[in-house]
Amino acid sequence: MERAELAGWLRLSLTPGVGDGAARRLLAAFGLPDAIFAQPEATLGEVVSTAQAAALKQPPSGLQAQVDQTWQWLHPADDPTGGAITRRVVTLGDAGYPGSLLEMVDPPLMLYVLGAAAFDLTQLGRSLAVVGSRNPTPQGASHARAFARALGEAGLPVVSGLALGIDGAAHLGALDAAGDAPVLATVAVVGTGLDRVYPARHRDLAHRITLQGLIVSELPLGTPPLTQNFPKRNRLIAGLARGTLVVEAALASGSLITARLTSEQGKEVFAIPGSIHSPQSRGCHALIRQGAKLVESVNDILEELPPLAPAARTVASDTPSPAPEHPLLDALGFDPVSLDALSARTGWSAAQLQAKMLELELDGHVSRLPGGLFQRAAVG
C-alpha cells in the first residue's frame, strides 16, 4: 500500500461523524477514498447527510500524525525478525480482506494485522472461536486449553481475544497443537491499537502468537483499552470464525455477546456445561437452553461443522490456473463478495458493476448467492 492510499483510507475512517456504514455507502457510490474526497460537497450530500458531507471536505484533526505513525509502524527502521513477522493494513478494498467479514452487516473499513509473513486472513475458513470468562475456574482454564489443542490437531485455527482467563488458555492450547509446524495456529483479535499489548501480562503470549499466528485490530494505532471497544472486538471474533465455543461465562459476560453475534450470523454456537453451583457455568447453561450445542468432546463440534467447499481447500495441482477471462474476476477472488466490496476494490460504481456482473453471470463465470453476494463459478 502506498502512503497516499493509506492516507485516504485513514482520512475516511477518522472523519468525525462518518461511521463505517456511511463510509461503505460512499465507497459504493464513488469508488476509492481519493475519489470520494474529490467530489463536491453537494454530490456527497446525495449519499450521506449534510453534516457528514461537510465533515468529509475537511481533513480530520491529527490526520497527518496518524498517517506518519501508521507508516512508521508498517515500515520499522529496525526489524529483528528479518521479515518473518510482517505488519499490514488490509482495507475493505483489498483482495486479501477476509470473506467471512464481508458477510457481516458492518464489516470494518480497515484491519491492522501483525504476525507471521506466511499467513493471511483468507486462511481462516476453518477457524473456530473459543471464548469465556476472564476469571475461570481451574477446570475451565484446563478445558479451554485442551479443547483448543484438540481443535488445532484437527486442523482448525483458534480465534480468541487475548484476554486473561479462557482466551489466553485457548491461544496456548492452539500453540501447543502447532508445535514447531509452519501452520496458522491462532488469531488474537484485540480491542486496542496494535502498538500496545493489553493485558500487559500477555506480552510474551502475544509475541508467540506473532510467530505462529496473527494479531488483528480494526482500531487505529495508539488506541488504548477503552471499554466501548471490546464489544466491537467481539463481533470480529464472531465474524472471522465458523462458529464459537463458550467454555465458561457468567450471565453478564462479553462472551455471551460473542455467542449472540455468532448466532445472528447464522453460525454454530457451542457451550461446555458445568456445575449447577458455579456462577461461571450459568452463561453456558443459558446458551444451551437457547439452542447452543452442549459439547463434551471436540468431536461434538467437528460433527456440526459443514464440510468445506472444494474451492476453500488448498489442493496441489500440476496444472497452472487459467488466465482470468475478465478483469473483474481478479478483483472478485474466490470468496463470496458484495457489490460494495467490489466497488471499493475496483473504483467502479454499483451501476457499472451490476452490468458487468450480469455479463459474467450469463457467461457462467460468476454465481449469484443469497444476500447480494457474488462468487466465481467453479471450473469443472
Protein backbone atom coordinates (compact mmCIF):
# COMPACT_ATOMS: atom_id res chain seq x y z
CA MET A 1 0.00 0.00 0.00
CA GLU A 2 1.34 3.41 -0.99
CA ARG A 3 1.46 6.22 1.57
CA ALA A 4 -1.14 8.31 -0.32
CA GLU A 5 -3.56 5.37 -0.41
CA LEU A 6 -3.06 4.76 3.31
CA ALA A 7 -3.73 8.44 4.00
CA GLY A 8 -7.01 8.26 2.07
CA TRP A 9 -8.29 5.28 4.00
CA LEU A 10 -7.25 6.80 7.32
CA ARG A 11 -8.96 10.07 6.47
CA LEU A 12 -12.17 8.25 5.60
CA SER A 13 -12.12 6.12 8.75
CA LEU A 14 -11.22 9.01 11.07
CA THR A 15 -13.57 11.70 9.75
CA PRO A 16 -15.82 12.71 12.70
CA GLY A 17 -19.44 11.71 12.34
CA VAL A 18 -18.82 9.41 9.38
CA GLY A 19 -19.20 5.85 10.58
CA ASP A 20 -18.43 2.65 8.74
CA GLY A 21 -21.96 2.45 7.32
CA ALA A 22 -21.77 5.89 5.71
CA ALA A 23 -18.24 5.15 4.50
CA ARG A 24 -19.40 1.96 2.78
CA ARG A 25 -22.17 3.89 1.00
CA LEU A 26 -19.61 6.42 -0.18
CA LEU A 27 -17.28 3.69 -1.42
CA ALA A 28 -20.13 2.05 -3.30
CA ALA A 29 -21.14 5.34 -4.90
CA PHE A 30 -17.76 6.84 -5.79
CA GLY A 31 -15.06 4.18 -5.50
CA LEU A 32 -11.81 4.51 -3.55
CA PRO A 33 -11.31 7.19 -0.85
CA ASP A 34 -9.45 9.61 -3.14
CA ALA A 35 -12.46 9.66 -5.46
CA ILE A 36 -14.76 10.36 -2.51
CA PHE A 37 -12.76 13.38 -1.37
CA ALA A 38 -12.67 14.73 -4.93
CA GLN A 39 -16.47 15.06 -5.01
CA PRO A 40 -18.21 18.40 -4.43
CA GLU A 41 -19.92 18.71 -1.08
CA ALA A 42 -23.34 18.79 -2.76
CA THR A 43 -22.63 15.49 -4.52
CA LEU A 44 -21.52 13.88 -1.26
CA GLY A 45 -24.75 15.14 0.29
CA GLU A 46 -26.71 12.93 -2.08
CA VAL A 47 -25.24 9.87 -0.36
CA VAL A 48 -24.71 10.96 3.25
CA SER A 49 -26.14 13.66 5.49
CA THR A 50 -25.35 17.34 5.02
CA ALA A 51 -23.25 17.36 8.20
CA GLN A 52 -21.30 14.28 7.08
CA ALA A 53 -20.71 15.79 3.63
CA ALA A 54 -19.32 18.94 5.22
CA ALA A 55 -17.06 16.93 7.56
CA LEU A 56 -15.64 14.98 4.60
CA LYS A 57 -14.36 18.18 2.99
CA GLN A 58 -12.07 18.91 5.94
CA PRO A 59 -9.18 16.58 6.89
CA PRO A 60 -9.73 15.41 10.48
CA SER A 61 -7.57 16.84 13.25
CA GLY A 62 -4.42 14.80 13.78
CA LEU A 63 -4.65 13.01 10.42
CA GLN A 64 -1.07 13.70 9.37
CA ALA A 65 0.28 12.46 12.71
CA GLN A 66 -1.80 9.28 12.38
CA VAL A 67 -0.54 8.73 8.83
CA ASP A 68 3.06 9.22 9.97
CA GLN A 69 2.64 6.87 12.93
CA THR A 70 0.98 4.16 10.86
CA TRP A 71 3.52 4.43 8.04
CA GLN A 72 6.39 4.12 10.51
CA TRP A 73 4.68 1.13 12.13
CA LEU A 74 4.33 -0.54 8.73
CA HIS A 75 7.97 0.17 7.85
CA PRO A 76 10.05 -0.08 11.04
CA ALA A 77 13.63 1.12 10.76
CA ASP A 78 14.89 -1.98 12.55
CA ASP A 79 13.30 -5.42 12.04
CA PRO A 80 15.00 -8.01 14.28
CA THR A 81 12.85 -10.78 12.77
CA GLY A 82 14.36 -10.36 9.32
CA GLY A 83 10.93 -10.08 7.73
CA ALA A 84 9.50 -13.22 9.36
CA ILE A 85 6.88 -11.08 11.11
CA THR A 86 5.03 -8.54 9.00
CA ARG A 87 2.78 -5.56 9.67
CA ARG A 88 -0.09 -4.99 7.31
CA VAL A 89 -3.14 -2.82 6.80
CA VAL A 90 -5.92 -4.64 4.97
CA THR A 91 -8.74 -2.44 3.69
CA LEU A 92 -12.26 -3.21 2.54
CA GLY A 93 -10.96 -2.69 -0.99
CA ASP A 94 -8.18 -5.29 -0.61
CA ALA A 95 -8.39 -8.72 -2.24
CA GLY A 96 -6.87 -10.11 0.98
CA TYR A 97 -9.81 -8.91 3.09
CA PRO A 98 -11.41 -11.92 4.83
CA GLY A 99 -14.53 -13.07 3.02
CA SER A 100 -16.25 -14.05 6.27
CA LEU A 101 -16.27 -10.43 7.43
CA LEU A 102 -17.92 -9.32 4.19
CA GLU A 103 -20.95 -11.37 5.26
CA MET A 104 -21.39 -9.14 8.33
CA VAL A 105 -23.74 -6.17 8.24
CA ASP A 106 -20.96 -3.88 9.49
CA PRO A 107 -17.54 -5.03 8.23
CA PRO A 108 -14.72 -2.70 9.31
CA LEU A 109 -13.10 -0.42 6.75
CA MET A 110 -9.58 -1.25 7.87
CA LEU A 111 -7.84 -4.11 9.63
CA TYR A 112 -4.39 -3.84 11.18
CA VAL A 113 -2.58 -7.17 11.10
CA LEU A 114 0.61 -8.26 12.86
CA GLY A 115 2.06 -11.73 12.54
CA ALA A 116 3.87 -14.38 10.59
CA ALA A 117 4.53 -13.36 6.99
CA ALA A 118 3.31 -16.72 5.67
CA PHE A 119 -0.23 -16.26 6.99
CA ASP A 120 -3.15 -14.08 5.97
CA LEU A 121 -6.77 -13.64 6.99
CA THR A 122 -8.12 -15.53 3.99
CA GLN A 123 -6.82 -18.73 5.64
CA LEU A 124 -9.45 -18.60 8.37
CA GLY A 125 -12.11 -20.63 6.56
CA ARG A 126 -11.62 -23.48 9.03
CA SER A 127 -11.25 -21.48 12.25
CA LEU A 128 -13.32 -21.71 15.43
CA ALA A 129 -13.62 -19.07 18.13
CA VAL A 130 -13.01 -20.11 21.74
CA VAL A 131 -14.06 -17.56 24.37
CA GLY A 132 -15.03 -17.38 28.02
CA SER A 133 -14.53 -15.85 31.43
CA ARG A 134 -11.58 -13.67 32.41
CA ASN A 135 -11.79 -15.34 35.84
CA PRO A 136 -12.30 -19.02 35.06
CA THR A 137 -12.18 -21.92 37.42
CA PRO A 138 -9.03 -24.07 37.15
CA GLN A 139 -11.15 -26.70 35.41
CA GLY A 140 -12.47 -24.13 32.95
CA ALA A 141 -8.98 -22.96 32.00
CA SER A 142 -7.93 -26.60 31.58
CA HIS A 143 -10.94 -27.28 29.34
CA ALA A 144 -10.17 -24.24 27.18
CA ARG A 145 -6.57 -25.28 26.61
CA ALA A 146 -7.46 -28.91 25.97
CA PHE A 147 -10.28 -28.14 23.54
CA ALA A 148 -8.15 -25.57 21.68
CA ARG A 149 -5.34 -28.10 21.36
CA ALA A 150 -7.75 -30.73 20.04
CA LEU A 151 -9.18 -28.24 17.54
CA GLY A 152 -5.67 -27.37 16.40
CA GLU A 153 -4.81 -31.04 15.98
CA ALA A 154 -7.94 -31.36 13.83
CA GLY A 155 -6.64 -28.56 11.60
CA LEU A 156 -8.81 -25.71 12.89
CA PRO A 157 -7.09 -22.45 13.85
CA VAL A 158 -8.42 -20.93 17.08
CA VAL A 159 -9.68 -17.34 17.20
CA SER A 160 -9.92 -15.57 20.55
CA GLY A 161 -9.45 -12.18 22.19
CA LEU A 162 -6.09 -12.31 24.06
CA ALA A 163 -7.90 -11.56 27.33
CA LEU A 164 -6.95 -13.10 30.64
CA GLY A 165 -8.51 -16.43 31.54
CA ILE A 166 -10.19 -18.56 28.89
CA ASP A 167 -8.89 -16.51 25.93
CA GLY A 168 -5.27 -16.90 26.98
CA ALA A 169 -5.70 -20.62 27.67
CA ALA A 170 -7.28 -21.10 24.24
CA HIS A 171 -4.38 -19.38 22.48
CA LEU A 172 -1.92 -21.53 24.42
CA GLY A 173 -3.76 -24.73 23.52
CA ALA A 174 -3.68 -23.84 19.84
CA LEU A 175 0.06 -23.12 20.06
CA ASP A 176 0.55 -26.44 21.86
CA ALA A 177 -1.06 -28.24 18.92
CA ALA A 178 1.06 -26.43 16.34
CA GLY A 179 4.38 -27.22 17.98
CA ASP A 180 7.07 -26.09 15.55
CA ALA A 181 4.97 -26.72 12.43
CA PRO A 182 4.58 -23.79 9.99
CA VAL A 183 0.80 -23.59 10.36
CA LEU A 184 -1.60 -20.79 11.24
CA ALA A 185 -2.31 -21.83 14.83
CA THR A 186 -4.29 -18.96 16.32
CA VAL A 187 -5.59 -15.44 15.76
CA ALA A 188 -5.94 -12.86 18.54
CA VAL A 189 -8.49 -10.12 17.87
CA VAL A 190 -7.79 -7.23 20.23
CA GLY A 191 -9.58 -4.12 21.43
CA THR A 192 -6.60 -1.74 21.25
CA GLY A 193 -4.21 -0.42 18.64
CA LEU A 194 -1.56 -2.93 17.64
CA ASP A 195 1.23 -0.75 19.01
CA ARG A 196 0.36 -1.93 22.51
CA VAL A 197 -0.40 -5.22 24.26
CA TYR A 198 -3.37 -5.50 26.60
CA PRO A 199 -3.32 -7.00 29.14
CA ALA A 200 0.40 -6.33 29.65
CA ARG A 201 0.95 -9.71 31.29
CA HIS A 202 0.16 -11.33 27.91
CA ARG A 203 3.14 -9.67 26.23
CA ASP A 204 5.04 -12.97 25.93
CA LEU A 205 1.93 -14.76 24.67
CA ALA A 206 1.37 -12.04 22.09
CA HIS A 207 4.95 -12.49 20.85
CA ARG A 208 4.40 -16.24 20.50
CA ILE A 209 1.21 -15.61 18.53
CA THR A 210 3.02 -13.33 16.07
CA LEU A 211 5.37 -16.24 15.30
CA GLN A 212 2.64 -18.81 14.63
CA GLY A 213 -0.44 -16.76 14.04
CA LEU A 214 -1.84 -13.26 13.70
CA ILE A 215 -2.94 -10.39 15.92
CA VAL A 216 -5.74 -8.28 14.42
CA SER A 217 -7.45 -5.00 15.28
CA GLU A 218 -9.75 -2.57 13.49
CA LEU A 219 -8.66 0.26 15.80
CA PRO A 220 -6.06 2.89 14.85
CA LEU A 221 -2.61 2.77 16.37
CA GLY A 222 -2.48 4.46 19.75
CA THR A 223 -6.00 3.38 20.76
CA PRO A 224 -5.99 2.49 24.49
CA PRO A 225 -8.09 -0.29 26.06
CA LEU A 226 -11.44 1.53 26.21
CA THR A 227 -14.49 -0.37 27.46
CA GLN A 228 -16.66 0.54 24.47
CA ASN A 229 -14.23 -1.03 22.03
CA PHE A 230 -14.44 -4.58 23.35
CA PRO A 231 -17.96 -5.35 22.04
CA LYS A 232 -16.65 -4.26 18.61
CA ARG A 233 -13.75 -6.67 19.10
CA ASN A 234 -16.22 -9.44 19.96
CA ARG A 235 -18.14 -9.00 16.71
CA LEU A 236 -14.92 -9.51 14.75
CA ILE A 237 -14.16 -12.70 16.68
CA ALA A 238 -17.63 -13.97 15.75
CA GLY A 239 -17.25 -12.75 12.18
CA LEU A 240 -13.90 -14.36 11.43
CA ALA A 241 -14.66 -17.84 12.75
CA ARG A 242 -17.01 -20.58 11.53
CA GLY A 243 -18.53 -20.91 14.99
CA THR A 244 -17.96 -20.11 18.66
CA LEU A 245 -17.26 -22.34 21.65
CA VAL A 246 -18.03 -20.78 25.04
CA VAL A 247 -16.11 -22.57 27.79
CA GLU A 248 -17.16 -20.68 30.93
CA ALA A 249 -19.16 -17.47 31.24
CA ALA A 250 -21.22 -15.66 33.82
CA LEU A 251 -24.66 -14.40 32.82
CA ALA A 252 -23.31 -10.85 32.39
CA SER A 253 -20.41 -11.67 30.12
CA GLY A 254 -18.85 -10.37 26.93
CA SER A 255 -18.61 -13.98 25.81
CA LEU A 256 -22.39 -14.11 25.59
CA ILE A 257 -22.24 -11.09 23.27
CA THR A 258 -19.85 -13.02 21.03
CA ALA A 259 -22.18 -16.03 21.13
CA ARG A 260 -25.22 -13.90 20.25
CA LEU A 261 -23.38 -12.29 17.34
CA THR A 262 -22.28 -15.72 16.14
CA SER A 263 -25.87 -16.94 16.17
CA GLU A 264 -27.11 -13.80 14.39
CA GLN A 265 -24.61 -14.51 11.62
CA GLY A 266 -26.12 -17.99 11.16
CA LYS A 267 -23.13 -19.81 12.63
CA GLU A 268 -22.95 -22.56 15.22
CA VAL A 269 -22.66 -21.83 18.95
CA PHE A 270 -21.24 -24.48 21.28
CA ALA A 271 -21.12 -24.47 25.07
CA ILE A 272 -19.47 -26.65 27.71
CA PRO A 273 -21.75 -27.37 30.68
CA GLY A 274 -20.52 -27.09 34.26
CA SER A 275 -21.62 -27.35 37.84
CA ILE A 276 -25.06 -26.00 38.65
CA HIS A 277 -23.45 -24.33 41.66
CA SER A 278 -20.82 -22.39 39.69
CA PRO A 279 -21.62 -18.80 38.60
CA GLN A 280 -19.14 -19.31 35.76
CA SER A 281 -21.36 -22.03 34.28
CA ARG A 282 -24.61 -20.09 34.21
CA GLY A 283 -23.87 -18.32 30.96
CA CYS A 284 -23.11 -21.62 29.21
CA HIS A 285 -26.27 -23.21 30.63
CA ALA A 286 -28.30 -20.23 29.39
CA LEU A 287 -26.81 -20.66 25.91
CA ILE A 288 -27.66 -24.37 25.91
CA ARG A 289 -31.26 -23.58 26.86
CA GLN A 290 -31.35 -21.13 23.93
CA GLY A 291 -30.18 -23.76 21.45
CA ALA A 292 -26.38 -23.87 21.66
CA LYS A 293 -24.99 -27.37 21.30
CA LEU A 294 -23.81 -28.97 24.51
CA VAL A 295 -20.31 -30.33 23.94
CA GLU A 296 -18.34 -32.88 25.90
CA SER A 297 -15.58 -33.56 23.38
CA VAL A 298 -14.13 -31.93 20.27
CA ASN A 299 -15.97 -34.47 18.13
CA ASP A 300 -19.25 -32.87 19.24
CA ILE A 301 -18.00 -29.71 17.50
CA LEU A 302 -16.47 -31.27 14.40
CA GLU A 303 -19.60 -33.21 13.51
CA GLU A 304 -21.64 -29.98 13.41
CA LEU A 305 -19.32 -28.06 11.11
CA PRO A 306 -20.27 -28.44 7.44
CA PRO A 307 -17.51 -29.67 5.17
CA LEU A 308 -15.53 -27.02 3.38
CA ALA A 309 -16.43 -26.29 -0.21
CA PRO A 310 -13.81 -27.63 -2.62
CA ALA A 311 -12.76 -24.10 -3.56
CA ALA A 312 -11.86 -23.40 0.08
CA ARG A 313 -9.34 -26.25 0.25
CA THR A 314 -5.70 -25.94 -0.74
CA VAL A 315 -5.17 -28.50 -3.48
CA ALA A 316 -1.81 -29.19 -5.09
CA SER A 317 -2.00 -29.30 -8.86
CA ASP A 318 0.45 -29.53 -11.75
CA THR A 319 -1.97 -27.63 -13.98
CA PRO A 320 -1.49 -23.86 -13.95
CA SER A 321 -4.52 -21.71 -13.24
CA PRO A 322 -6.10 -20.30 -16.41
CA ALA A 323 -5.82 -16.59 -17.08
CA PRO A 324 -8.93 -14.67 -15.96
CA GLU A 325 -11.49 -14.05 -18.70
CA HIS A 326 -12.38 -10.64 -17.32
CA PRO A 327 -10.54 -8.10 -15.10
CA LEU A 328 -13.38 -8.27 -12.57
CA LEU A 329 -12.50 -11.89 -11.80
CA ASP A 330 -9.15 -10.79 -10.38
CA ALA A 331 -10.92 -8.35 -8.07
CA LEU A 332 -13.54 -10.94 -7.17
CA GLY A 333 -11.07 -13.52 -5.87
CA PHE A 334 -12.52 -16.83 -4.73
CA ASP A 335 -14.60 -15.87 -1.69
CA PRO A 336 -18.17 -14.52 -1.82
CA VAL A 337 -18.06 -10.74 -2.25
CA SER A 338 -20.66 -7.96 -2.13
CA LEU A 339 -21.02 -5.21 -4.70
CA ASP A 340 -19.89 -2.70 -2.07
CA ALA A 341 -16.61 -4.56 -1.60
CA LEU A 342 -16.10 -4.90 -5.37
CA SER A 343 -16.75 -1.20 -5.79
CA ALA A 344 -14.10 -0.43 -3.19
CA ARG A 345 -11.61 -2.76 -4.91
CA THR A 346 -12.19 -1.56 -8.47
CA GLY A 347 -13.31 2.05 -8.15
CA TRP A 348 -16.37 1.29 -10.34
CA SER A 349 -19.85 2.42 -9.39
CA ALA A 350 -22.55 -0.01 -8.30
CA ALA A 351 -24.41 0.54 -11.59
CA GLN A 352 -21.29 -0.29 -13.64
CA LEU A 353 -20.66 -3.40 -11.57
CA GLN A 354 -24.25 -4.62 -11.87
CA ALA A 355 -23.96 -4.57 -15.66
CA LYS A 356 -20.54 -6.24 -15.74
CA MET A 357 -21.50 -8.89 -13.19
CA LEU A 358 -24.62 -9.71 -15.20
CA GLU A 359 -22.43 -10.35 -18.26
CA LEU A 360 -20.17 -12.66 -16.27
CA GLU A 361 -23.16 -14.39 -14.71
CA LEU A 362 -24.74 -15.04 -18.13
CA ASP A 363 -21.42 -16.40 -19.39
CA GLY A 364 -21.26 -18.82 -16.45
CA HIS A 365 -18.19 -17.26 -14.85
CA VAL A 366 -19.95 -15.89 -11.75
CA SER A 367 -22.65 -17.24 -9.45
CA ARG A 368 -25.13 -15.03 -7.59
CA LEU A 369 -25.52 -16.03 -3.92
CA PRO A 370 -28.15 -15.14 -1.30
CA GLY A 371 -27.65 -11.82 0.46
CA GLY A 372 -26.47 -9.93 -2.62
CA LEU A 373 -23.13 -11.75 -2.80
CA PHE A 374 -21.24 -12.96 -5.88
CA GLN A 375 -18.68 -15.75 -6.25
CA ARG A 376 -16.53 -17.10 -9.06
CA ALA A 377 -18.14 -20.19 -10.56
CA ALA A 378 -16.25 -23.44 -10.07
CA VAL A 379 -14.15 -24.51 -13.03
CA GLY A 380 -15.13 -28.04 -13.88
